[in-house]
Every structure is written in C-alpha cells, then in structure tokens.
Amino acid sequence: MHRSIQRQGVMSRLAPLPLLASLSLLAAFQLLLPSPGAGQEDELTPPPTWEVRLDNPDRGNVDDIWYVDMPPGWHVTTGPAAIFWDPAKTASGSFRIESEIFLFDPEGRREGFGFFFGGAELKGPNQAYVYFLIREGGEFLVKVRRGEETESILGWTSHPAIASWATREQDAQTAKNVLAVEITPQGVRFEVNDKEVAVLPAGRLSTDGQVGLRVNHNVNIHVTSLDITQHVP
C-alpha cells in the first residue's frame, strides 16, 4: 500500500511523542541549525514531491508519521516503519550516497534508521531495495527487500564508529552519525562517520535505482542531508 504524503492532517497525530514534547525537541534542535532564509515559511509541511510507503499498512497509517521540511533537511517522527523517497533521487553505476542523521532520545528503544538504494517498483507489490541502517547501541545492518520478503546480508553488527544516544556528550540534544555507501566496480563499501564498517563484493547487490530514507517504527530523527555523488567513468 502506498500513498503520497499529504499536507493536511500530518500534524494531527504524532507517534511516539505527544505534539508538545515533539515540538519542544524540534525547537531545541533548531537552536543548532542555521537560521531560515528571508521569506521562508514558518509552517512545517511535508516535502511536496516526496512519497511514503509503510512496511505494513495494517499496523498504522501515514497520519501516524510526522515528516516535514526543516532546513537543512527533514524531520521524521515515525509511528509505523516506512520508506520515504523523492522520485528525482536516483543513482546508477558508480556513485556515493551520504546522509547526516541526528537521533533524538530513543527512550530505550533500539529501532533502525538510515537510507536505501537500488530501489525499484516502490509503489507496487514487487518493490525492491537495499537498506543500510544503524540503531542505538552502536550497531549497523545491511538488508534487501524483495516484495514482502527481506534478506539479511549483514545482520546487526557492532562497530565503535557508530555514535549512540547513551554515550553522547553531556547536555547534547542528539546523537549525530553520518552514513555513507560507496559503489564502485570493485565492490560496495559501507561507512559510518568516515570509518569503513563493511565491504561487499561487486555484483552481490542490485544497486541501481531509487534512493531514499528508511526509518523503523517509533523513531525521532532529523536528517540534514541525503546527497548522491555520481562518479564519472
């Protein structure tokens, strides 16, 4: 099941945080961000071209997700797990994807968040993509979805490069991580905070296609960037 993110009603429900608590967190985070440009609208609204697809529409709906433009980047507070994508963001051949993500207080939960690539048929029953996630506690995951089935390529694995909320600096509002994947003819390299965490051989994954975000259920994050650098042969 799939639908475009709607501009009305998105803020009517927030999961897992109440509205005032979420807005308080957003206000705290905005203190760390550059000031909006002149004339920028104060109203927080979903990115107009992005779309969302729930993992399981029987366990929630799009109104259980708050997903808005908040320069730089986007803020995501999920109820159900979902993927988010802008149809204009695609990559093929040799390329690099990099995304800076700030995790707010997970309240004891250890749910994954990150990005996907190699996306195809995302609106239909034969959806397919590769996803690279991290979670609280300093672990990463590489997994493939094909239709309703998923395959773990690299199960949850600890790595010291991954920053956790529990070990953040004193008084820090968030835990910051930068995730990246580098696709070359030699293989697929996964990085967190400029440290290599895994390498897979070329041809192991289908990497051409749509690029987007993946956020599991009950996660509160701010994504400042989702950049694609297409390498010239």
Protein backbone atom coordinates (compact mmCIF):
# COMPACT_ATOMS: atom_id res chain seq x y z
CA MET A 1 0.00 0.00 0.00
CA HIS A 2 1.31 3.41 -0.95
CA ARG A 3 0.23 6.99 -0.88
CA SER A 4 1.78 10.41 -1.33
CA ILE A 5 2.44 12.37 1.85
CA GLN A 6 -0.46 14.72 2.41
CA ARG A 7 -0.01 18.33 3.50
CA GLN A 8 -3.14 18.38 5.65
CA GLY A 9 -3.62 16.25 8.74
CA VAL A 10 0.02 15.22 9.05
CA MET A 11 0.44 17.06 12.35
CA SER A 12 -2.83 15.72 13.77
CA ARG A 13 -1.08 12.65 15.17
CA LEU A 14 2.50 12.16 16.32
CA ALA A 15 4.00 8.85 17.32
CA PRO A 16 5.56 8.04 19.67
CA LEU A 17 5.77 11.56 21.15
CA PRO A 18 2.94 13.94 22.09
CA LEU A 19 2.73 17.09 20.00
CA LEU A 20 4.11 19.49 22.58
CA ALA A 21 7.00 17.19 23.51
CA SER A 22 7.95 16.72 19.86
CA LEU A 23 7.80 20.41 19.14
CA SER A 24 9.96 21.09 22.19
CA LEU A 25 12.57 18.70 20.83
CA LEU A 26 12.35 20.34 17.43
CA ALA A 27 12.80 23.77 18.97
CA ALA A 28 15.86 22.57 20.86
CA PHE A 29 17.31 21.08 17.70
CA GLN A 30 16.64 24.21 15.68
CA LEU A 31 18.94 26.13 18.01
CA LEU A 32 21.75 24.10 16.47
CA LEU A 33 20.71 24.83 12.88
CA PRO A 34 21.31 27.82 10.63
CA SER A 35 18.59 30.46 10.73
CA PRO A 36 15.95 30.22 7.96
CA GLY A 37 16.42 32.43 4.96
CA ALA A 38 14.44 35.59 4.47
CA GLY A 39 10.89 34.89 3.39
CA GLN A 40 10.97 31.21 4.36
CA GLU A 41 7.63 29.96 5.60
CA ASP A 42 7.43 29.20 9.30
CA GLU A 43 4.86 26.46 8.80
CA LEU A 44 6.33 22.96 8.81
CA THR A 45 4.95 20.97 5.88
CA PRO A 46 5.84 17.68 4.15
CA PRO A 47 8.21 17.85 1.18
CA PRO A 48 5.85 18.30 -1.78
CA THR A 49 7.49 15.78 -4.12
CA TRP A 50 8.33 13.02 -1.65
CA GLU A 51 6.35 9.84 -1.20
CA VAL A 52 5.99 7.35 1.63
CA ARG A 53 5.26 3.65 1.85
CA LEU A 54 4.52 1.79 5.05
CA ASP A 55 6.05 -1.61 5.74
CA ASN A 56 2.70 -2.88 6.94
CA PRO A 57 -0.42 -0.77 6.35
CA ASP A 58 -2.33 -2.99 8.77
CA ARG A 59 -0.22 -1.62 11.64
CA GLY A 60 -0.81 2.07 11.13
CA ASN A 61 -1.29 4.74 8.51
CA VAL A 62 0.50 7.75 7.08
CA ASP A 63 -1.20 10.05 9.59
CA ASP A 64 0.82 8.27 12.30
CA ILE A 65 4.00 9.74 10.79
CA TRP A 66 5.20 13.35 11.06
CA TYR A 67 7.56 14.15 8.18
CA VAL A 68 8.36 17.76 7.34
CA ASP A 69 10.77 20.07 5.60
CA MET A 70 13.04 21.68 8.19
CA PRO A 71 16.09 23.23 6.52
CA PRO A 72 18.67 21.96 6.48
CA GLY A 73 16.91 18.71 5.68
CA TRP A 74 13.85 16.99 7.09
CA HIS A 75 12.48 15.89 10.43
CA VAL A 76 10.91 12.45 10.78
CA THR A 77 8.93 11.09 13.72
CA THR A 78 7.51 7.68 12.91
CA GLY A 79 4.78 5.53 14.28
CA PRO A 80 4.87 2.62 11.79
CA ALA A 81 8.06 1.75 9.87
CA ALA A 82 8.26 3.29 6.40
CA ILE A 83 10.41 4.33 3.47
CA PHE A 84 10.47 7.90 2.10
CA TRP A 85 11.73 9.00 -1.29
CA ASP A 86 11.86 11.79 -3.81
CA PRO A 87 11.42 10.31 -7.32
CA ALA A 88 14.15 12.65 -8.56
CA LYS A 89 16.79 10.99 -6.35
CA THR A 90 18.23 8.06 -8.29
CA ALA A 91 21.72 6.66 -8.81
CA SER A 92 23.36 4.11 -11.08
CA GLY A 93 26.77 2.76 -11.97
CA SER A 94 29.48 4.09 -9.65
CA PHE A 95 28.27 6.54 -7.02
CA ARG A 96 28.36 7.62 -3.38
CA ILE A 97 25.43 8.29 -1.06
CA GLU A 98 25.95 10.20 2.17
CA SER A 99 23.45 11.19 4.84
CA GLU A 100 23.87 13.07 8.11
CA ILE A 101 21.32 11.97 10.73
CA PHE A 102 20.66 13.19 14.27
CA LEU A 103 18.89 10.83 16.68
CA PHE A 104 16.74 12.25 19.44
CA ASP A 105 16.11 10.42 22.72
CA PRO A 106 15.05 6.87 21.71
CA GLU A 107 13.50 6.33 25.16
CA GLY A 108 15.11 2.92 25.47
CA ARG A 109 14.11 1.69 22.02
CA ARG A 110 16.67 0.31 19.55
CA GLU A 111 14.98 0.79 16.19
CA GLY A 112 16.90 1.17 12.94
CA PHE A 113 17.15 4.21 10.69
CA GLY A 114 19.20 5.13 7.63
CA PHE A 115 18.79 5.07 3.87
CA PHE A 116 18.07 2.72 0.98
CA PHE A 117 19.36 2.49 -2.59
CA GLY A 118 18.76 0.31 -5.64
CA GLY A 119 15.03 0.96 -5.28
CA ALA A 120 12.64 -0.34 -7.93
CA GLU A 121 8.85 -0.61 -8.27
CA LEU A 122 8.41 1.10 -4.90
CA LYS A 123 4.69 1.65 -5.42
CA GLY A 124 3.84 -1.92 -6.34
CA PRO A 125 3.85 -5.47 -4.95
CA ASN A 126 7.32 -6.18 -6.36
CA GLN A 127 9.13 -3.40 -4.52
CA ALA A 128 12.86 -3.95 -4.15
CA TYR A 129 15.70 -2.06 -2.45
CA VAL A 130 18.84 -2.42 -0.34
CA TYR A 131 18.88 -0.69 3.03
CA PHE A 132 21.69 0.40 5.33
CA LEU A 133 20.61 1.19 8.88
CA ILE A 134 22.12 1.92 12.26
CA ARG A 135 20.48 1.76 15.68
CA GLU A 136 21.02 2.85 19.26
CA GLY A 137 23.76 0.82 20.89
CA GLY A 138 26.23 1.22 18.02
CA GLU A 139 25.10 -1.41 15.52
CA PHE A 140 24.55 -1.44 11.74
CA LEU A 141 22.55 -3.61 9.35
CA VAL A 142 22.51 -4.28 5.60
CA LYS A 143 19.36 -5.91 4.28
CA VAL A 144 17.49 -6.45 1.00
CA ARG A 145 13.74 -6.26 0.43
CA ARG A 146 12.05 -8.06 -2.45
CA GLY A 147 8.30 -7.73 -2.36
CA GLU A 148 7.15 -8.73 1.12
CA GLU A 149 10.29 -10.75 1.80
CA THR A 150 13.54 -9.49 3.31
CA GLU A 151 17.03 -10.99 3.39
CA SER A 152 19.73 -10.07 5.88
CA ILE A 153 23.03 -9.52 4.07
CA LEU A 154 24.81 -8.35 7.22
CA GLY A 155 22.82 -8.78 10.44
CA TRP A 156 23.00 -6.30 13.29
CA THR A 157 26.72 -5.83 13.91
CA SER A 158 28.51 -3.67 16.49
CA HIS A 159 31.04 -1.08 15.40
CA PRO A 160 32.79 1.56 17.54
CA ALA A 161 32.41 4.23 14.85
CA ILE A 162 28.65 4.46 15.44
CA ALA A 163 27.62 7.18 17.92
CA SER A 164 24.91 6.31 20.44
CA TRP A 165 22.47 8.45 22.36
CA ALA A 166 23.55 6.76 25.59
CA THR A 167 27.19 7.81 25.11
CA ARG A 168 26.60 11.29 23.63
CA GLU A 169 28.40 14.30 25.04
CA GLN A 170 26.96 15.78 28.21
CA ASP A 171 23.94 18.04 27.58
CA ALA A 172 23.85 17.10 23.88
CA GLN A 173 20.33 17.08 22.44
CA THR A 174 21.08 14.42 19.82
CA ALA A 175 23.46 11.68 18.70
CA LYS A 176 24.93 12.51 15.29
CA ASN A 177 26.01 9.94 12.68
CA VAL A 178 27.00 10.25 9.03
CA LEU A 179 26.17 7.16 6.95
CA ALA A 180 27.66 6.56 3.51
CA VAL A 181 27.85 3.89 0.86
CA GLU A 182 30.36 3.87 -1.99
CA ILE A 183 29.56 1.84 -5.13
CA THR A 184 32.48 1.09 -7.45
CA PRO A 185 33.38 -1.72 -9.88
CA GLN A 186 35.47 -3.20 -7.07
CA GLY A 187 32.60 -3.53 -4.59
CA VAL A 188 30.22 -1.83 -2.16
CA ARG A 189 31.73 -0.05 0.82
CA PHE A 190 29.68 0.96 3.86
CA GLU A 191 30.85 3.76 6.16
CA VAL A 192 29.75 5.43 9.37
CA ASN A 193 31.43 8.66 10.46
CA ASP A 194 34.18 8.23 7.84
CA LYS A 195 35.05 4.75 9.11
CA GLU A 196 34.62 1.66 6.97
CA VAL A 197 32.24 -0.77 8.67
CA ALA A 198 31.79 -3.36 5.88
CA VAL A 199 32.66 -4.18 2.25
CA LEU A 200 30.71 -6.45 -0.07
CA PRO A 201 31.93 -7.77 -3.44
CA ALA A 202 30.77 -6.22 -6.70
CA GLY A 203 27.63 -7.87 -8.00
CA ARG A 204 26.45 -9.01 -4.57
CA LEU A 205 23.71 -6.35 -4.51
CA SER A 206 21.46 -4.67 -7.07
CA THR A 207 22.50 -1.07 -6.57
CA ASP A 208 21.00 0.94 -9.47
CA GLY A 209 17.73 2.74 -8.83
CA GLN A 210 15.83 4.92 -6.40
CA VAL A 211 17.50 6.38 -3.29
CA GLY A 212 15.58 7.33 -0.15
CA LEU A 213 15.26 7.13 3.60
CA ARG A 214 14.20 4.16 5.69
CA VAL A 215 13.01 4.65 9.28
CA ASN A 216 11.71 1.88 11.51
CA HIS A 217 8.83 2.36 13.94
CA ASN A 218 8.83 4.86 16.81
CA VAL A 219 11.97 6.75 15.79
CA ASN A 220 12.56 10.52 16.11
CA ILE A 221 15.35 11.84 13.86
CA HIS A 222 16.48 14.87 11.90
CA VAL A 223 18.12 14.21 8.52
CA THR A 224 20.15 17.18 7.33
CA SER A 225 21.25 15.65 4.03
CA LEU A 226 20.80 12.80 1.58
CA ASP A 227 23.45 13.51 -1.04
CA ILE A 228 24.26 11.49 -4.16
CA THR A 229 27.58 11.90 -5.95
CA GLN A 230 27.60 10.19 -9.32
CA HIS A 231 31.13 9.12 -10.24
CA VAL A 232 32.29 9.83 -13.78
CA PRO A 233 33.66 6.69 -15.51
